[in-house]
Full PDB file with SEQRES, HELIX, SHEET, SSBOND, CRYST1, ORIGX, SCALE, CONECT and MASTER records, all heavy atoms in Angstrom:
SEQRES   1 A   36  GLY PRO LYS PHE GLU ARG PRO LEU LYS ASP GLU LYS ASP          
SEQRES   2 A   36  VAL MET ALA LEU LYS VAL PRO GLU ALA GLY SER LEU GLN          
SEQRES   3 A   36  TYR VAL PHE ASP ALA VAL THR GLN ILE ARG                      
HELIX    1 AA1 GLU A   11  MET A   15  1                                   5    
HELIX    2 AA2 ALA A   22  LEU A   25  5                                   4    
HELIX    3 AA3 GLN A   26  ILE A   35  1                                  10    
CRYST1    1.000    1.000    1.000  90.00  90.00  90.00 P 1           1          
ORIGX1      1.000000  0.000000  0.000000        0.00000                         
ORIGX2      0.000000  1.000000  0.000000        0.00000                         
ORIGX3      0.000000  0.000000  1.000000        0.00000                         
SCALE1      1.000000  0.000000  0.000000        0.00000                         
SCALE2      0.000000  1.000000  0.000000        0.00000                         
SCALE3      0.000000  0.000000  1.000000        0.00000                         
ATOM      1  N   GLY A   1     -41.017  40.160 -67.382  1.00  0.00           N  
ATOM      2  CA  GLY A   1     -42.274  40.595 -66.794  1.00  0.00           C  
ATOM      3  C   GLY A   1     -42.635  42.042 -67.192  1.00  0.00           C  
ATOM      4  O   GLY A   1     -42.009  42.638 -68.152  1.00  0.00           O  
ATOM      5  N   PRO A   2     -43.664  42.653 -66.572  1.00  0.00           N  
ATOM      6  CA  PRO A   2     -44.137  43.930 -66.978  1.00  0.00           C  
ATOM      7  C   PRO A   2     -43.160  45.092 -66.626  1.00  0.00           C  
ATOM      8  O   PRO A   2     -42.561  45.032 -65.623  1.00  0.00           O  
ATOM      9  CB  PRO A   2     -45.452  44.024 -66.168  1.00  0.00           C  
ATOM     10  CG  PRO A   2     -45.212  43.165 -64.941  1.00  0.00           C  
ATOM     11  CD  PRO A   2     -44.363  42.058 -65.417  1.00  0.00           C  
ATOM     12  N   LYS A   3     -43.233  46.080 -67.494  1.00  0.00           N  
ATOM     13  CA  LYS A   3     -42.477  47.345 -67.230  1.00  0.00           C  
ATOM     14  C   LYS A   3     -43.270  48.568 -67.678  1.00  0.00           C  
ATOM     15  O   LYS A   3     -44.187  48.415 -68.489  1.00  0.00           O  
ATOM     16  CB  LYS A   3     -41.147  47.307 -68.000  1.00  0.00           C  
ATOM     17  CG  LYS A   3     -40.168  46.205 -67.505  1.00  0.00           C  
ATOM     18  CD  LYS A   3     -38.816  46.364 -68.206  1.00  0.00           C  
ATOM     19  CE  LYS A   3     -37.801  45.322 -67.717  1.00  0.00           C  
ATOM     20  NZ  LYS A   3     -36.485  45.499 -68.288  1.00  0.00           N  
ATOM     21  N   PHE A   4     -42.919  49.669 -67.170  1.00  0.00           N  
ATOM     22  CA  PHE A   4     -43.584  50.930 -67.596  1.00  0.00           C  
ATOM     23  C   PHE A   4     -42.535  51.855 -68.246  1.00  0.00           C  
ATOM     24  O   PHE A   4     -41.456  52.033 -67.788  1.00  0.00           O  
ATOM     25  CB  PHE A   4     -44.207  51.703 -66.393  1.00  0.00           C  
ATOM     26  CG  PHE A   4     -45.526  51.089 -65.907  1.00  0.00           C  
ATOM     27  CD1 PHE A   4     -45.574  50.447 -64.668  1.00  0.00           C  
ATOM     28  CD2 PHE A   4     -46.632  51.065 -66.723  1.00  0.00           C  
ATOM     29  CE1 PHE A   4     -46.782  49.893 -64.246  1.00  0.00           C  
ATOM     30  CE2 PHE A   4     -47.794  50.494 -66.340  1.00  0.00           C  
ATOM     31  CZ  PHE A   4     -47.931  49.924 -65.052  1.00  0.00           C  
ATOM     32  N   GLU A   5     -43.042  52.409 -69.381  1.00  0.00           N  
ATOM     33  CA  GLU A   5     -42.187  53.372 -70.126  1.00  0.00           C  
ATOM     34  C   GLU A   5     -41.968  54.638 -69.334  1.00  0.00           C  
ATOM     35  O   GLU A   5     -40.925  55.282 -69.400  1.00  0.00           O  
ATOM     36  CB  GLU A   5     -42.775  53.643 -71.490  1.00  0.00           C  
ATOM     37  CG  GLU A   5     -42.835  52.507 -72.430  1.00  0.00           C  
ATOM     38  CD  GLU A   5     -43.612  52.813 -73.652  1.00  0.00           C  
ATOM     39  OE1 GLU A   5     -44.090  53.966 -73.842  1.00  0.00           O  
ATOM     40  OE2 GLU A   5     -43.788  51.917 -74.529  1.00  0.00           O  
ATOM     41  N   ARG A   6     -43.040  55.079 -68.604  1.00  0.00           N  
ATOM     42  CA  ARG A   6     -42.980  56.348 -67.918  1.00  0.00           C  
ATOM     43  C   ARG A   6     -43.301  56.161 -66.436  1.00  0.00           C  
ATOM     44  O   ARG A   6     -44.407  56.647 -65.989  1.00  0.00           O  
ATOM     45  CB  ARG A   6     -43.997  57.293 -68.616  1.00  0.00           C  
ATOM     46  CG  ARG A   6     -43.626  57.655 -70.044  1.00  0.00           C  
ATOM     47  CD  ARG A   6     -44.699  58.371 -70.743  1.00  0.00           C  
ATOM     48  NE  ARG A   6     -45.855  57.669 -71.026  1.00  0.00           N  
ATOM     49  CZ  ARG A   6     -46.006  56.796 -72.026  1.00  0.00           C  
ATOM     50  NH1 ARG A   6     -45.039  56.623 -72.889  1.00  0.00           N  
ATOM     51  NH2 ARG A   6     -47.127  56.112 -72.203  1.00  0.00           N  
ATOM     52  N   PRO A   7     -42.424  55.592 -65.635  1.00  0.00           N  
ATOM     53  CA  PRO A   7     -42.712  55.486 -64.183  1.00  0.00           C  
ATOM     54  C   PRO A   7     -42.761  56.836 -63.504  1.00  0.00           C  
ATOM     55  O   PRO A   7     -42.296  57.839 -64.054  1.00  0.00           O  
ATOM     56  CB  PRO A   7     -41.516  54.591 -63.702  1.00  0.00           C  
ATOM     57  CG  PRO A   7     -40.478  54.845 -64.737  1.00  0.00           C  
ATOM     58  CD  PRO A   7     -41.122  55.044 -66.039  1.00  0.00           C  
ATOM     59  N   LEU A   8     -43.256  56.816 -62.280  1.00  0.00           N  
ATOM     60  CA  LEU A   8     -43.392  58.037 -61.519  1.00  0.00           C  
ATOM     61  C   LEU A   8     -42.057  58.361 -60.854  1.00  0.00           C  
ATOM     62  O   LEU A   8     -41.734  57.766 -59.830  1.00  0.00           O  
ATOM     63  CB  LEU A   8     -44.511  57.884 -60.493  1.00  0.00           C  
ATOM     64  CG  LEU A   8     -45.891  57.487 -61.027  1.00  0.00           C  
ATOM     65  CD1 LEU A   8     -46.913  57.306 -59.897  1.00  0.00           C  
ATOM     66  CD2 LEU A   8     -46.401  58.521 -62.061  1.00  0.00           C  
ATOM     67  N   LYS A   9     -41.313  59.254 -61.390  1.00  0.00           N  
ATOM     68  CA  LYS A   9     -39.947  59.561 -60.951  1.00  0.00           C  
ATOM     69  C   LYS A   9     -39.818  60.740 -59.993  1.00  0.00           C  
ATOM     70  O   LYS A   9     -38.893  60.769 -59.160  1.00  0.00           O  
ATOM     71  CB  LYS A   9     -38.995  59.798 -62.126  1.00  0.00           C  
ATOM     72  CG  LYS A   9     -38.777  58.587 -62.974  1.00  0.00           C  
ATOM     73  CD  LYS A   9     -37.766  58.833 -64.074  1.00  0.00           C  
ATOM     74  CE  LYS A   9     -37.432  57.654 -64.921  1.00  0.00           C  
ATOM     75  NZ  LYS A   9     -36.798  56.579 -64.179  1.00  0.00           N  
ATOM     76  N   ASP A  10     -40.728  61.683 -60.093  1.00  0.00           N  
ATOM     77  CA  ASP A  10     -40.589  62.862 -59.289  1.00  0.00           C  
ATOM     78  C   ASP A  10     -41.935  63.480 -58.887  1.00  0.00           C  
ATOM     79  O   ASP A  10     -43.024  62.912 -59.304  1.00  0.00           O  
ATOM     80  CB  ASP A  10     -39.731  63.944 -59.997  1.00  0.00           C  
ATOM     81  CG  ASP A  10     -40.203  64.252 -61.381  1.00  0.00           C  
ATOM     82  OD1 ASP A  10     -41.446  64.227 -61.634  1.00  0.00           O  
ATOM     83  OD2 ASP A  10     -39.385  64.510 -62.263  1.00  0.00           O  
ATOM     84  N   GLU A  11     -41.915  64.604 -58.194  1.00  0.00           N  
ATOM     85  CA  GLU A  11     -43.175  65.208 -57.741  1.00  0.00           C  
ATOM     86  C   GLU A  11     -44.051  65.619 -58.894  1.00  0.00           C  
ATOM     87  O   GLU A  11     -45.308  65.447 -58.810  1.00  0.00           O  
ATOM     88  CB  GLU A  11     -42.847  66.429 -56.850  1.00  0.00           C  
ATOM     89  CG  GLU A  11     -44.064  67.070 -56.261  1.00  0.00           C  
ATOM     90  CD  GLU A  11     -43.720  68.068 -55.180  1.00  0.00           C  
ATOM     91  OE1 GLU A  11     -42.532  68.197 -54.811  1.00  0.00           O  
ATOM     92  OE2 GLU A  11     -44.668  68.766 -54.699  1.00  0.00           O  
ATOM     93  N   LYS A  12     -43.474  66.105 -59.957  1.00  0.00           N  
ATOM     94  CA  LYS A  12     -44.282  66.504 -61.083  1.00  0.00           C  
ATOM     95  C   LYS A  12     -45.052  65.354 -61.702  1.00  0.00           C  
ATOM     96  O   LYS A  12     -46.238  65.443 -61.991  1.00  0.00           O  
ATOM     97  CB  LYS A  12     -43.353  67.104 -62.187  1.00  0.00           C  
ATOM     98  CG  LYS A  12     -44.100  67.649 -63.419  1.00  0.00           C  
ATOM     99  CD  LYS A  12     -43.159  68.155 -64.462  1.00  0.00           C  
ATOM    100  CE  LYS A  12     -43.861  68.622 -65.703  1.00  0.00           C  
ATOM    101  NZ  LYS A  12     -42.905  69.081 -66.723  1.00  0.00           N  
ATOM    102  N   ASP A  13     -44.391  64.170 -61.818  1.00  0.00           N  
ATOM    103  CA  ASP A  13     -45.071  62.994 -62.361  1.00  0.00           C  
ATOM    104  C   ASP A  13     -46.161  62.578 -61.380  1.00  0.00           C  
ATOM    105  O   ASP A  13     -47.311  62.229 -61.883  1.00  0.00           O  
ATOM    106  CB  ASP A  13     -44.076  61.835 -62.397  1.00  0.00           C  
ATOM    107  CG  ASP A  13     -43.017  62.061 -63.442  1.00  0.00           C  
ATOM    108  OD1 ASP A  13     -43.220  62.804 -64.378  1.00  0.00           O  
ATOM    109  OD2 ASP A  13     -41.946  61.394 -63.328  1.00  0.00           O  
ATOM    110  N   VAL A  14     -45.961  62.601 -60.103  1.00  0.00           N  
ATOM    111  CA  VAL A  14     -46.938  62.130 -59.160  1.00  0.00           C  
ATOM    112  C   VAL A  14     -48.159  63.042 -59.165  1.00  0.00           C  
ATOM    113  O   VAL A  14     -49.349  62.578 -59.217  1.00  0.00           O  
ATOM    114  CB  VAL A  14     -46.353  62.061 -57.777  1.00  0.00           C  
ATOM    115  CG1 VAL A  14     -47.421  61.815 -56.707  1.00  0.00           C  
ATOM    116  CG2 VAL A  14     -45.256  60.967 -57.661  1.00  0.00           C  
ATOM    117  N   MET A  15     -47.913  64.368 -59.154  1.00  0.00           N  
ATOM    118  CA  MET A  15     -49.018  65.311 -59.068  1.00  0.00           C  
ATOM    119  C   MET A  15     -49.898  65.333 -60.339  1.00  0.00           C  
ATOM    120  O   MET A  15     -50.981  65.802 -60.329  1.00  0.00           O  
ATOM    121  CB  MET A  15     -48.550  66.670 -58.655  1.00  0.00           C  
ATOM    122  CG  MET A  15     -47.833  66.763 -57.342  1.00  0.00           C  
ATOM    123  SD  MET A  15     -48.677  65.844 -56.005  1.00  0.00           S  
ATOM    124  CE  MET A  15     -50.193  66.830 -55.804  1.00  0.00           C  
ATOM    125  N   ALA A  16     -49.287  64.835 -61.465  1.00  0.00           N  
ATOM    126  CA  ALA A  16     -50.016  64.827 -62.726  1.00  0.00           C  
ATOM    127  C   ALA A  16     -50.959  63.590 -62.828  1.00  0.00           C  
ATOM    128  O   ALA A  16     -51.764  63.470 -63.720  1.00  0.00           O  
ATOM    129  CB  ALA A  16     -49.090  64.830 -63.867  1.00  0.00           C  
ATOM    130  N   LEU A  17     -50.788  62.672 -61.879  1.00  0.00           N  
ATOM    131  CA  LEU A  17     -51.540  61.394 -61.960  1.00  0.00           C  
ATOM    132  C   LEU A  17     -53.014  61.632 -61.697  1.00  0.00           C  
ATOM    133  O   LEU A  17     -53.421  62.376 -60.801  1.00  0.00           O  
ATOM    134  CB  LEU A  17     -50.979  60.470 -60.846  1.00  0.00           C  
ATOM    135  CG  LEU A  17     -51.224  58.985 -60.960  1.00  0.00           C  
ATOM    136  CD1 LEU A  17     -50.550  58.422 -62.188  1.00  0.00           C  
ATOM    137  CD2 LEU A  17     -50.760  58.285 -59.688  1.00  0.00           C  
ATOM    138  N   LYS A  18     -53.832  61.020 -62.569  1.00  0.00           N  
ATOM    139  CA  LYS A  18     -55.287  61.159 -62.416  1.00  0.00           C  
ATOM    140  C   LYS A  18     -55.962  59.831 -62.641  1.00  0.00           C  
ATOM    141  O   LYS A  18     -55.470  58.922 -63.267  1.00  0.00           O  
ATOM    142  CB  LYS A  18     -55.804  62.068 -63.504  1.00  0.00           C  
ATOM    143  CG  LYS A  18     -55.345  63.550 -63.340  1.00  0.00           C  
ATOM    144  CD  LYS A  18     -55.919  64.425 -64.484  1.00  0.00           C  
ATOM    145  CE  LYS A  18     -55.424  65.889 -64.285  1.00  0.00           C  
ATOM    146  NZ  LYS A  18     -55.902  66.739 -65.452  1.00  0.00           N  
ATOM    147  N   VAL A  19     -57.192  59.705 -62.124  1.00  0.00           N  
ATOM    148  CA  VAL A  19     -58.014  58.524 -62.336  1.00  0.00           C  
ATOM    149  C   VAL A  19     -58.264  58.446 -63.858  1.00  0.00           C  
ATOM    150  O   VAL A  19     -58.523  59.472 -64.482  1.00  0.00           O  
ATOM    151  CB  VAL A  19     -59.365  58.649 -61.578  1.00  0.00           C  
ATOM    152  CG1 VAL A  19     -60.337  57.527 -61.948  1.00  0.00           C  
ATOM    153  CG2 VAL A  19     -59.152  58.680 -60.081  1.00  0.00           C  
ATOM    154  N   PRO A  20     -58.115  57.202 -64.423  1.00  0.00           N  
ATOM    155  CA  PRO A  20     -58.307  57.100 -65.892  1.00  0.00           C  
ATOM    156  C   PRO A  20     -59.660  57.567 -66.401  1.00  0.00           C  
ATOM    157  O   PRO A  20     -60.683  57.450 -65.685  1.00  0.00           O  
ATOM    158  CB  PRO A  20     -58.077  55.583 -66.134  1.00  0.00           C  
ATOM    159  CG  PRO A  20     -57.406  55.083 -64.902  1.00  0.00           C  
ATOM    160  CD  PRO A  20     -57.823  55.984 -63.780  1.00  0.00           C  
ATOM    161  N   GLU A  21     -59.692  57.999 -67.586  1.00  0.00           N  
ATOM    162  CA  GLU A  21     -60.953  58.287 -68.273  1.00  0.00           C  
ATOM    163  C   GLU A  21     -61.820  57.015 -68.367  1.00  0.00           C  
ATOM    164  O   GLU A  21     -61.238  55.953 -68.562  1.00  0.00           O  
ATOM    165  CB  GLU A  21     -60.716  58.859 -69.661  1.00  0.00           C  
ATOM    166  CG  GLU A  21     -59.954  60.211 -69.679  1.00  0.00           C  
ATOM    167  CD  GLU A  21     -60.828  61.363 -69.190  1.00  0.00           C  
ATOM    168  OE1 GLU A  21     -62.069  61.246 -69.355  1.00  0.00           O  
ATOM    169  OE2 GLU A  21     -60.254  62.348 -68.649  1.00  0.00           O  
ATOM    170  N   ALA A  22     -63.097  57.165 -68.330  1.00  0.00           N  
ATOM    171  CA  ALA A  22     -63.977  56.056 -68.247  1.00  0.00           C  
ATOM    172  C   ALA A  22     -63.771  55.102 -69.438  1.00  0.00           C  
ATOM    173  O   ALA A  22     -63.786  53.856 -69.300  1.00  0.00           O  
ATOM    174  CB  ALA A  22     -65.449  56.503 -68.189  1.00  0.00           C  
ATOM    175  N   GLY A  23     -63.629  55.554 -70.594  1.00  0.00           N  
ATOM    176  CA  GLY A  23     -63.532  54.772 -71.812  1.00  0.00           C  
ATOM    177  C   GLY A  23     -62.218  54.048 -72.007  1.00  0.00           C  
ATOM    178  O   GLY A  23     -62.083  53.143 -72.821  1.00  0.00           O  
ATOM    179  N   SER A  24     -61.194  54.448 -71.220  1.00  0.00           N  
ATOM    180  CA  SER A  24     -59.808  53.909 -71.444  1.00  0.00           C  
ATOM    181  C   SER A  24     -59.739  52.430 -71.080  1.00  0.00           C  
ATOM    182  O   SER A  24     -58.773  51.769 -71.520  1.00  0.00           O  
ATOM    183  CB  SER A  24     -58.815  54.742 -70.674  1.00  0.00           C  
ATOM    184  OG  SER A  24     -59.060  54.691 -69.278  1.00  0.00           O  
ATOM    185  N   LEU A  25     -60.633  51.926 -70.325  1.00  0.00           N  
ATOM    186  CA  LEU A  25     -60.614  50.505 -69.888  1.00  0.00           C  
ATOM    187  C   LEU A  25     -61.826  49.791 -70.383  1.00  0.00           C  
ATOM    188  O   LEU A  25     -62.132  48.697 -69.918  1.00  0.00           O  
ATOM    189  CB  LEU A  25     -60.518  50.430 -68.352  1.00  0.00           C  
ATOM    190  CG  LEU A  25     -59.134  50.836 -67.781  1.00  0.00           C  
ATOM    191  CD1 LEU A  25     -59.269  51.158 -66.292  1.00  0.00           C  
ATOM    192  CD2 LEU A  25     -58.125  49.768 -68.043  1.00  0.00           C  
ATOM    193  N   GLN A  26     -62.487  50.343 -71.424  1.00  0.00           N  
ATOM    194  CA  GLN A  26     -63.696  49.708 -71.941  1.00  0.00           C  
ATOM    195  C   GLN A  26     -63.436  48.288 -72.467  1.00  0.00           C  
ATOM    196  O   GLN A  26     -64.294  47.444 -72.347  1.00  0.00           O  
ATOM    197  CB  GLN A  26     -64.283  50.534 -73.092  1.00  0.00           C  
ATOM    198  CG  GLN A  26     -65.638  50.114 -73.575  1.00  0.00           C  
ATOM    199  CD  GLN A  26     -66.710  50.122 -72.439  1.00  0.00           C  
ATOM    200  OE1 GLN A  26     -66.758  51.098 -71.668  1.00  0.00           O  
ATOM    201  NE2 GLN A  26     -67.529  49.033 -72.318  1.00  0.00           N  
ATOM    202  N   TYR A  27     -62.269  48.012 -72.935  1.00  0.00           N  
ATOM    203  CA  TYR A  27     -61.920  46.685 -73.451  1.00  0.00           C  
ATOM    204  C   TYR A  27     -62.015  45.605 -72.310  1.00  0.00           C  
ATOM    205  O   TYR A  27     -62.403  44.462 -72.579  1.00  0.00           O  
ATOM    206  CB  TYR A  27     -60.541  46.634 -74.086  1.00  0.00           C  
ATOM    207  CG  TYR A  27     -59.357  46.786 -73.147  1.00  0.00           C  
ATOM    208  CD1 TYR A  27     -58.722  45.746 -72.538  1.00  0.00           C  
ATOM    209  CD2 TYR A  27     -58.862  48.065 -72.827  1.00  0.00           C  
ATOM    210  CE1 TYR A  27     -57.681  45.882 -71.689  1.00  0.00           C  
ATOM    211  CE2 TYR A  27     -57.824  48.275 -71.989  1.00  0.00           C  
ATOM    212  CZ  TYR A  27     -57.205  47.143 -71.413  1.00  0.00           C  
ATOM    213  OH  TYR A  27     -56.185  47.329 -70.542  1.00  0.00           O  
ATOM    214  N   VAL A  28     -61.754  46.065 -71.079  1.00  0.00           N  
ATOM    215  CA  VAL A  28     -61.880  45.150 -69.978  1.00  0.00           C  
ATOM    216  C   VAL A  28     -63.327  44.850 -69.688  1.00  0.00           C  
ATOM    217  O   VAL A  28     -63.748  43.727 -69.533  1.00  0.00           O  
ATOM    218  CB  VAL A  28     -61.198  45.692 -68.708  1.00  0.00           C  
ATOM    219  CG1 VAL A  28     -61.455  44.793 -67.518  1.00  0.00           C  
ATOM    220  CG2 VAL A  28     -59.723  45.920 -68.892  1.00  0.00           C  
ATOM    221  N   PHE A  29     -64.173  45.885 -69.659  1.00  0.00           N  
ATOM    222  CA  PHE A  29     -65.551  45.700 -69.388  1.00  0.00           C  
ATOM    223  C   PHE A  29     -66.300  44.959 -70.494  1.00  0.00           C  
ATOM    224  O   PHE A  29     -67.168  44.117 -70.217  1.00  0.00           O  
ATOM    225  CB  PHE A  29     -66.221  47.079 -69.144  1.00  0.00           C  
ATOM    226  CG  PHE A  29     -65.428  47.965 -68.237  1.00  0.00           C  
ATOM    227  CD1 PHE A  29     -65.271  49.313 -68.533  1.00  0.00           C  
ATOM    228  CD2 PHE A  29     -64.831  47.463 -67.085  1.00  0.00           C  
ATOM    229  CE1 PHE A  29     -64.480  50.109 -67.670  1.00  0.00           C  
ATOM    230  CE2 PHE A  29     -64.087  48.261 -66.226  1.00  0.00           C  
ATOM    231  CZ  PHE A  29     -63.919  49.623 -66.543  1.00  0.00           C  
ATOM    232  N   ASP A  30     -65.858  45.160 -71.758  1.00  0.00           N  
ATOM    233  CA  ASP A  30     -66.401  44.360 -72.836  1.00  0.00           C  
ATOM    234  C   ASP A  30     -66.037  42.912 -72.691  1.00  0.00           C  
ATOM    235  O   ASP A  30     -66.907  42.044 -72.953  1.00  0.00           O  
ATOM    236  CB  ASP A  30     -65.832  44.920 -74.163  1.00  0.00           C  
ATOM    237  CG  ASP A  30     -66.390  46.295 -74.568  1.00  0.00           C  
ATOM    238  OD1 ASP A  30     -67.423  46.732 -73.993  1.00  0.00           O  
ATOM    239  OD2 ASP A  30     -65.838  46.958 -75.459  1.00  0.00           O  
ATOM    240  N   ALA A  31     -64.810  42.663 -72.235  1.00  0.00           N  
ATOM    241  CA  ALA A  31     -64.431  41.239 -72.045  1.00  0.00           C  
ATOM    242  C   ALA A  31     -65.256  40.636 -70.916  1.00  0.00           C  
ATOM    243  O   ALA A  31     -65.680  39.472 -71.026  1.00  0.00           O  
ATOM    244  CB  ALA A  31     -62.927  41.207 -71.665  1.00  0.00           C  
ATOM    245  N   VAL A  32     -65.496  41.359 -69.813  1.00  0.00           N  
ATOM    246  CA  VAL A  32     -66.308  40.823 -68.704  1.00  0.00           C  
ATOM    247  C   VAL A  32     -67.689  40.415 -69.234  1.00  0.00           C  
ATOM    248  O   VAL A  32     -68.155  39.250 -68.967  1.00  0.00           O  
ATOM    249  CB  VAL A  32     -66.490  41.888 -67.566  1.00  0.00           C  
ATOM    250  CG1 VAL A  32     -67.511  41.403 -66.569  1.00  0.00           C  
ATOM    251  CG2 VAL A  32     -65.149  42.087 -66.914  1.00  0.00           C  
ATOM    252  N   THR A  33     -68.324  41.293 -69.965  1.00  0.00           N  
ATOM    253  CA  THR A  33     -69.673  40.971 -70.507  1.00  0.00           C  
ATOM    254  C   THR A  33     -69.625  39.761 -71.449  1.00  0.00           C  
ATOM    255  O   THR A  33     -70.481  38.885 -71.400  1.00  0.00           O  
ATOM    256  CB  THR A  33     -70.250  42.213 -71.221  1.00  0.00           C  
ATOM    257  OG1 THR A  33     -70.326  43.271 -70.270  1.00  0.00           O  
ATOM    258  CG2 THR A  33     -71.675  41.909 -71.723  1.00  0.00           C  
ATOM    259  N   GLN A  34     -68.633  39.714 -72.290  1.00  0.00           N  
ATOM    260  CA  GLN A  34     -68.525  38.662 -73.269  1.00  0.00           C  
ATOM    261  C   GLN A  34     -68.251  37.347 -72.551  1.00  0.00           C  
ATOM    262  O   GLN A  34     -68.805  36.283 -72.955  1.00  0.00           O  
ATOM    263  CB  GLN A  34     -67.427  39.000 -74.287  1.00  0.00           C  
ATOM    264  CG  GLN A  34     -67.436  38.076 -75.500  1.00  0.00           C  
ATOM    265  CD  GLN A  34     -66.496  38.577 -76.600  1.00  0.00           C  
ATOM    266  OE1 GLN A  34     -66.348  39.774 -76.842  1.00  0.00           O  
ATOM    267  NE2 GLN A  34     -65.874  37.669 -77.354  1.00  0.00           N  
ATOM    268  N   ILE A  35     -67.379  37.374 -71.579  1.00  0.00           N  
ATOM    269  CA  ILE A  35     -67.092  36.140 -70.830  1.00  0.00           C  
ATOM    270  C   ILE A  35     -68.281  35.610 -70.092  1.00  0.00           C  
ATOM    271  O   ILE A  35     -68.646  34.414 -70.124  1.00  0.00           O  
ATOM    272  CB  ILE A  35     -65.893  36.350 -69.869  1.00  0.00           C  
ATOM    273  CG1 ILE A  35     -64.596  36.636 -70.597  1.00  0.00           C  
ATOM    274  CG2 ILE A  35     -65.701  35.144 -68.963  1.00  0.00           C  
ATOM    275  CD1 ILE A  35     -63.538  37.241 -69.748  1.00  0.00           C  
ATOM    276  N   ARG A  36     -68.967  36.549 -69.363  1.00  0.00           N  
ATOM    277  CA  ARG A  36     -70.172  36.165 -68.616  1.00  0.00           C  
ATOM    278  C   ARG A  36     -71.233  35.547 -69.517  1.00  0.00           C  
ATOM    279  O   ARG A  36     -71.873  34.562 -69.213  1.00  0.00           O  
ATOM    280  CB  ARG A  36     -70.740  37.405 -67.915  1.00  0.00           C  
ATOM    281  CG  ARG A  36     -72.082  37.234 -67.212  1.00  0.00           C  
ATOM    282  CD  ARG A  36     -71.936  36.597 -65.843  1.00  0.00           C  
ATOM    283  NE  ARG A  36     -73.270  36.369 -65.232  1.00  0.00           N  
ATOM    284  CZ  ARG A  36     -73.919  37.233 -64.534  1.00  0.00           C  
ATOM    285  NH1 ARG A  36     -73.399  38.457 -64.248  1.00  0.00           N  
ATOM    286  NH2 ARG A  36     -75.171  36.965 -64.080  1.00  0.00           N  
TER     287      ARG A  36                                                      
MASTER        0    0    0    3    0    0    0    6  286    1    0    3          
END                                                                             
């Protein structure tokens, strides 16, 4: 199954977490439009 190379191990990792940049998931939105 799925795994992450860089899981959230400590406070530093957690506090660095941010909402993804808009374009980073564009492949998903392109797929939605193409499927529809």
